[in-house]
Structure formats: structure tokens, C-alpha cells
PDB file of N, CA and C in Angstrom:
ATOM      1  N   MET A   1       0.833  -1.211   0.000  1.00  0.00           N
ATOM      2  CA  MET A   1       0.000   0.000   0.000  1.00  0.00           C
ATOM      3  C   MET A   1       0.866   1.259   0.000  1.00  0.00           C
ATOM      4  N   GLU A   2       2.004   1.189   0.715  1.00  0.00           N
ATOM      5  CA  GLU A   2       2.879   2.353   0.807  1.00  0.00           C
ATOM      6  C   GLU A   2       3.475   2.694  -0.562  1.00  0.00           C
ATOM      7  N   GLU A   3       3.786   1.655  -1.327  1.00  0.00           N
ATOM      8  CA  GLU A   3       4.366   1.880  -2.659  1.00  0.00           C
ATOM      9  C   GLU A   3       3.378   2.639  -3.554  1.00  0.00           C
ATOM     10  N   ALA A   4       2.107   2.303  -3.449  1.00  0.00           N
ATOM     11  CA  ALA A   4       1.077   2.970  -4.245  1.00  0.00           C
ATOM     12  C   ALA A   4       0.986   4.441  -3.856  1.00  0.00           C
ATOM     13  N   THR A   5       1.111   4.724  -2.544  1.00  0.00           N
ATOM     14  CA  THR A   5       1.062   6.113  -2.071  1.00  0.00           C
ATOM     15  C   THR A   5       2.243   6.893  -2.628  1.00  0.00           C
ATOM     16  N   ILE A   6       3.437   6.278  -2.610  1.00  0.00           N
ATOM     17  CA  ILE A   6       4.635   6.931  -3.128  1.00  0.00           C
ATOM     18  C   ILE A   6       4.467   7.227  -4.624  1.00  0.00           C
ATOM     19  N   THR A   7       3.927   6.270  -5.354  1.00  0.00           N
ATOM     20  CA  THR A   7       3.718   6.451  -6.793  1.00  0.00           C
ATOM     21  C   THR A   7       2.710   7.564  -7.039  1.00  0.00           C
ATOM     22  N   LEU A   8       1.646   7.584  -6.247  1.00  0.00           N
ATOM     23  CA  LEU A   8       0.618   8.612  -6.388  1.00  0.00           C
ATOM     24  C   LEU A   8       1.197   9.994  -6.090  1.00  0.00           C
ATOM     25  N   ASN A   9       2.004  10.084  -5.040  1.00  0.00           N
ATOM     26  CA  ASN A   9       2.630  11.363  -4.685  1.00  0.00           C
ATOM     27  C   ASN A   9       3.574  11.836  -5.781  1.00  0.00           C
ATOM     28  N   SER A  10       4.375  10.935  -6.332  1.00  0.00           N
ATOM     29  CA  SER A  10       5.308  11.324  -7.394  1.00  0.00           C
ATOM     30  C   SER A  10       4.541  11.727  -8.652  1.00  0.00           C
ATOM     31  N   LEU A  11       3.407  11.040  -8.878  1.00  0.00           N
ATOM     32  CA  LEU A  11       2.567  11.380 -10.025  1.00  0.00           C
ATOM     33  C   LEU A  11       1.982  12.788  -9.852  1.00  0.00           C
ATOM     34  N   ARG A  12       1.500  13.065  -8.631  1.00  0.00           N
ATOM     35  CA  ARG A  12       0.969  14.402  -8.333  1.00  0.00           C
ATOM     36  C   ARG A  12       2.050  15.461  -8.514  1.00  0.00           C
ATOM     37  N   GLU A  13       3.242  15.163  -8.031  1.00  0.00           N
ATOM     38  CA  GLU A  13       4.370  16.089  -8.154  1.00  0.00           C
ATOM     39  C   GLU A  13       4.682  16.348  -9.630  1.00  0.00           C
ATOM     40  N   GLY A  14       4.661  15.287 -10.421  1.00  0.00           N
ATOM     41  CA  GLY A  14       4.918  15.408 -11.856  1.00  0.00           C
ATOM     42  C   GLY A  14       3.866  16.245 -12.551  1.00  0.00           C
ATOM     43  N   ILE A  15       2.598  16.034 -12.175  1.00  0.00           N
ATOM     44  CA  ILE A  15       1.502  16.814 -12.767  1.00  0.00           C
ATOM     45  C   ILE A  15       1.642  18.283 -12.399  1.00  0.00           C
ATOM     46  N   LYS A  16       2.002  18.546 -11.127  1.00  0.00           N
ATOM     47  CA  LYS A  16       2.201  19.931 -10.679  1.00  0.00           C
ATOM     48  C   LYS A  16       3.290  20.600 -11.501  1.00  0.00           C
ATOM     49  N   ARG A  17       4.401  19.890 -11.671  1.00  0.00           N
ATOM     50  CA  ARG A  17       5.527  20.452 -12.431  1.00  0.00           C
ATOM     51  C   ARG A  17       5.138  20.686 -13.883  1.00  0.00           C
ATOM     52  N   ALA A  18       4.423  19.742 -14.480  1.00  0.00           N
ATOM     53  CA  ALA A  18       4.008  19.879 -15.886  1.00  0.00           C
ATOM     54  C   ALA A  18       3.058  21.063 -16.050  1.00  0.00           C
ATOM     55  N   THR A  19       2.125  21.213 -15.091  1.00  0.00           N
ATOM     56  CA  THR A  19       1.184  22.331 -15.150  1.00  0.00           C
ATOM     57  C   THR A  19       1.917  23.652 -15.022  1.00  0.00           C
ATOM     58  N   LEU A  20       2.869  23.714 -14.093  1.00  0.00           N
ATOM     59  CA  LEU A  20       3.662  24.926 -13.891  1.00  0.00           C
ATOM     60  C   LEU A  20       4.448  25.263 -15.151  1.00  0.00           C
ATOM     61  N   LEU A  21       5.065  24.240 -15.746  1.00  0.00           N
ATOM     62  CA  LEU A  21       5.853  24.433 -16.961  1.00  0.00           C
ATOM     63  C   LEU A  21       4.967  24.928 -18.101  1.00  0.00           C
ATOM     64  N   LEU A  22       3.792  24.309 -18.241  1.00  0.00           N
ATOM     65  CA  LEU A  22       2.844  24.698 -19.287  1.00  0.00           C
ATOM     66  C   LEU A  22       2.396  26.147 -19.075  1.00  0.00           C
ATOM     67  N   GLY A  23       2.108  26.493 -17.831  1.00  0.00           N
ATOM     68  CA  GLY A  23       1.716  27.862 -17.498  1.00  0.00           C
ATOM     69  C   GLY A  23       2.804  28.856 -17.858  1.00  0.00           C
ATOM     70  N   LEU A  24       4.046  28.516 -17.529  1.00  0.00           N
ATOM     71  CA  LEU A  24       5.179  29.394 -17.840  1.00  0.00           C
ATOM     72  C   LEU A  24       5.345  29.554 -19.349  1.00  0.00           C
ATOM     73  N   ILE A  25       5.187  28.459 -20.093  1.00  0.00           N
ATOM     74  CA  ILE A  25       5.318  28.510 -21.557  1.00  0.00           C
ATOM     75  C   ILE A  25       4.231  29.413 -22.151  1.00  0.00           C
ATOM     76  N   ILE A  26       2.983  29.229 -21.689  1.00  0.00           N
ATOM     77  CA  ILE A  26       1.870  30.046 -22.197  1.00  0.00           C
ATOM     78  C   ILE A  26       2.100  31.514 -21.857  1.00  0.00           C
ATOM     79  N   LEU A  27       2.531  31.775 -20.615  1.00  0.00           N
ATOM     80  CA  LEU A  27       2.809  33.142 -20.197  1.00  0.00           C
ATOM     81  C   LEU A  27       3.916  33.753 -21.058  1.00  0.00           C
ATOM     82  N   GLY A  28       4.943  32.966 -21.335  1.00  0.00           N
ATOM     83  CA  GLY A  28       6.045  33.426 -22.188  1.00  0.00           C
ATOM     84  C   GLY A  28       5.576  33.774 -23.589  1.00  0.00           C
ATOM     85  N   ILE A  29       4.709  32.932 -24.141  1.00  0.00           N
ATOM     86  CA  ILE A  29       4.182  33.187 -25.492  1.00  0.00           C
ATOM     87  C   ILE A  29       3.344  34.463 -25.499  1.00  0.00           C
ATOM     88  N   VAL A  30       2.475  34.617 -24.485  1.00  0.00           N
ATOM     89  CA  VAL A  30       1.606  35.802 -24.410  1.00  0.00           C
ATOM     90  C   VAL A  30       2.446  37.071 -24.272  1.00  0.00           C
ATOM     91  N   VAL A  31       3.398  37.056 -23.328  1.00  0.00           N
ATOM     92  CA  VAL A  31       4.247  38.236 -23.098  1.00  0.00           C
ATOM     93  C   VAL A  31       5.107  38.525 -24.325  1.00  0.00           C
ATOM     94  N   GLY A  32       5.655  37.469 -24.925  1.00  0.00           N
ATOM     95  CA  GLY A  32       6.491  37.634 -26.115  1.00  0.00           C
ATOM     96  C   GLY A  32       5.728  38.237 -27.272  1.00  0.00           C
ATOM     97  N   SER A  33       4.516  37.740 -27.522  1.00  0.00           N
ATOM     98  CA  SER A  33       3.727  38.275 -28.635  1.00  0.00           C
ATOM     99  C   SER A  33       3.322  39.723 -28.347  1.00  0.00           C
ATOM    100  N   PHE A  34       3.025  40.021 -27.076  1.00  0.00           N
ATOM    101  CA  PHE A  34       2.684  41.390 -26.693  1.00  0.00           C
ATOM    102  C   PHE A  34       3.868  42.320 -26.960  1.00  0.00           C
ATOM    103  N   LEU A  35       5.079  41.870 -26.585  1.00  0.00           N
ATOM    104  CA  LEU A  35       6.276  42.685 -26.807  1.00  0.00           C
ATOM    105  C   LEU A  35       6.539  42.878 -28.300  1.00  0.00           C
ATOM    106  N   ILE A  36       6.313  41.833 -29.084  1.00  0.00           N
ATOM    107  CA  ILE A  36       6.510  41.934 -30.534  1.00  0.00           C
ATOM    108  C   ILE A  36       5.539  42.955 -31.118  1.00  0.00           C
ATOM    109  N   TRP A  37       4.269  42.906 -30.688  1.00  0.00           N
ATOM    110  CA  TRP A  37       3.279  43.875 -31.185  1.00  0.00           C
ATOM    111  C   TRP A  37       3.657  45.290 -30.789  1.00  0.00           C
ATOM    112  N   MET A  38       4.147  45.460 -29.548  1.00  0.00           N
ATOM    113  CA  MET A  38       4.580  46.783 -29.097  1.00  0.00           C
ATOM    114  C   MET A  38       5.719  47.291 -29.981  1.00  0.00           C
ATOM    115  N   LEU A  39       6.659  46.417 -30.288  1.00  0.00           N
ATOM    116  CA  LEU A  39       7.804  46.773 -31.128  1.00  0.00           C
ATOM    117  C   LEU A  39       7.333  47.199 -32.516  1.00  0.00           C
ATOM    118  N   ILE A  40       6.402  46.423 -33.087  1.00  0.00           N
ATOM    119  CA  ILE A  40       5.866  46.745 -34.415  1.00  0.00           C
ATOM    120  C   ILE A  40       5.180  48.115 -34.387  1.00  0.00           C
ATOM    121  N   LEU A  41       4.386  48.359 -33.332  1.00  0.00           N
ATOM    122  CA  LEU A  41       3.687  49.644 -33.214  1.00  0.00           C
ATOM    123  C   LEU A  41       4.670  50.802 -33.098  1.00  0.00           C
ATOM    124  N   ILE A  42       5.727  50.613 -32.294  1.00  0.00           N
ATOM    125  CA  ILE A  42       6.726  51.671 -32.123  1.00  0.00           C
ATOM    126  C   ILE A  42       7.406  51.967 -33.456  1.00  0.00           C
ATOM    127  N   VAL A  43       7.778  50.919 -34.182  1.00  0.00           N
ATOM    128  CA  VAL A  43       8.422  51.095 -35.492  1.00  0.00           C
ATOM    129  C   VAL A  43       7.490  51.827 -36.450  1.00  0.00           C
ATOM    130  N   LEU A  44       6.214  51.450 -36.462  1.00  0.00           N
ATOM    131  CA  LEU A  44       5.239  52.117 -37.330  1.00  0.00           C
ATOM    132  C   LEU A  44       5.100  53.596 -36.976  1.00  0.00           C
ATOM    133  N   LEU A  45       5.049  53.884 -35.670  1.00  0.00           N
ATOM    134  CA  LEU A  45       4.934  55.280 -35.239  1.00  0.00           C
ATOM    135  C   LEU A  45       6.155  56.082 -35.664  1.00  0.00           C
ATOM    136  N   ILE A  46       7.344  55.486 -35.526  1.00  0.00           N
ATOM    137  CA  ILE A  46       8.572  56.169 -35.935  1.00  0.00           C
ATOM    138  C   ILE A  46       8.546  56.437 -37.436  1.00  0.00           C
ATOM    139  N   CYS A  47       8.112  55.436 -38.210  1.00  0.00           N
ATOM    140  CA  CYS A  47       8.024  55.604 -39.671  1.00  0.00           C
ATOM    141  C   CYS A  47       7.034  56.714 -40.032  1.00  0.00           C
ATOM    142  N   LEU A  48       5.873  56.722 -39.374  1.00  0.00           N
ATOM    143  CA  LEU A  48       4.874  57.766 -39.643  1.00  0.00           C
ATOM    144  C   LEU A  48       5.418  59.140 -39.293  1.00  0.00           C
ATOM    145  N   GLY A  49       6.099  59.219 -38.173  1.00  0.00           N
ATOM    146  CA  GLY A  49       6.702  60.490 -37.761  1.00  0.00           C
ATOM    147  C   GLY A  49       7.740  60.961 -38.770  1.00  0.00           C
ATOM    148  N   ALA A  50       8.568  60.027 -39.250  1.00  0.00           N
ATOM    149  CA  ALA A  50       9.597  60.373 -40.236  1.00  0.00           C
ATOM    150  C   ALA A  50       8.968  60.852 -41.543  1.00  0.00           C
ATOM    151  N   VAL A  51       7.910  60.166 -41.986  1.00  0.00           N
ATOM    152  CA  VAL A  51       7.226  60.551 -43.224  1.00  0.00           C
ATOM    153  C   VAL A  51       6.595  61.932 -43.063  1.00  0.00           C
ATOM    154  N   ALA A  52       5.945  62.174 -41.942  1.00  0.00           N
ATOM    155  CA  ALA A  52       5.315  63.474 -41.697  1.00  0.00           C
ATOM    156  C   ALA A  52       6.366  64.582 -41.673  1.00  0.00           C
ATOM    157  N   TYR A  53       7.490  64.314 -41.019  1.00  0.00           N
ATOM    158  CA  TYR A  53       8.568  65.297 -40.935  1.00  0.00           C
ATOM    159  C   TYR A  53       9.133  65.589 -42.324  1.00  0.00           C
ATOM    160  N   TRP A  54       9.314  64.530 -43.112  1.00  0.00           N
ATOM    161  CA  TRP A  54       9.870  64.673 -44.459  1.00  0.00           C
ATOM    162  C   TRP A  54       8.912  65.465 -45.350  1.00  0.00           C
ATOM    163  N   CYS A  55       7.603  65.182 -45.241  1.00  0.00           N
ATOM    164  CA  CYS A  55       6.600  65.907 -46.035  1.00  0.00           C
ATOM    165  C   CYS A  55       6.575  67.381 -45.630  1.00  0.00           C
ATOM    166  N   ARG A  56       6.683  67.661 -44.355  1.00  0.00           N
ATOM    167  CA  ARG A  56       6.658  69.027 -43.867  1.00  0.00           C
ATOM    168  C   ARG A  56       7.904  69.783 -44.357  1.00  0.00           C
ATOM    169  N   ARG A  57       9.032  69.098 -44.389  1.00  0.00           N
ATOM    170  CA  ARG A  57      10.270  69.728 -44.839  1.00  0.00           C
ATOM    171  C   ARG A  57      10.225  70.077 -46.326  1.00  0.00           C
ATOM    172  N   ARG A  58       9.536  69.235 -47.111  1.00  0.00           N
ATOM    173  CA  ARG A  58       9.475  69.449 -48.563  1.00  0.00           C
ATOM    174  C   ARG A  58       8.687  70.693 -48.933  1.00  0.00           C
ATOM    175  N   GLU A  59       7.694  71.018 -48.108  1.00  0.00           N
ATOM    176  CA  GLU A  59       6.828  72.159 -48.451  1.00  0.00           C
ATOM    177  C   GLU A  59       7.568  73.488 -48.419  1.00  0.00           C
TER     178      GLU A  59
END
């Protein structure tokens, strides 16, 4: 009976670790994609600013 308890405990521990790992991976993907979108937006804003400045200079 004790062996079954040990196996059950190790199984629970493994599930906890897998869930934690999965959570960390999902969090990493969400944060990473958010940072990528922020970067794209910043680049777009810089490009728009440069175009506006260039158009204003031409006039």
C-alpha cells in the first residue's frame, strides 16, 4: 500500500511540475507576442513620424 502512495505522490508532483511548466510557456508566449506587437507599433509610429517630418520639410 505504501508503494502505491509513493507512486501517487510522485505522479501528483509530476503533474504539478508539468502544469507549472505549461503555465510558464503560455505566459512566455503571451508576453512575447505582446512585446513583438509593441515593437511593431513603435516602429510604425517612428516611420509615420519620419514621413510626416519629411513631407513638412518638402513644403
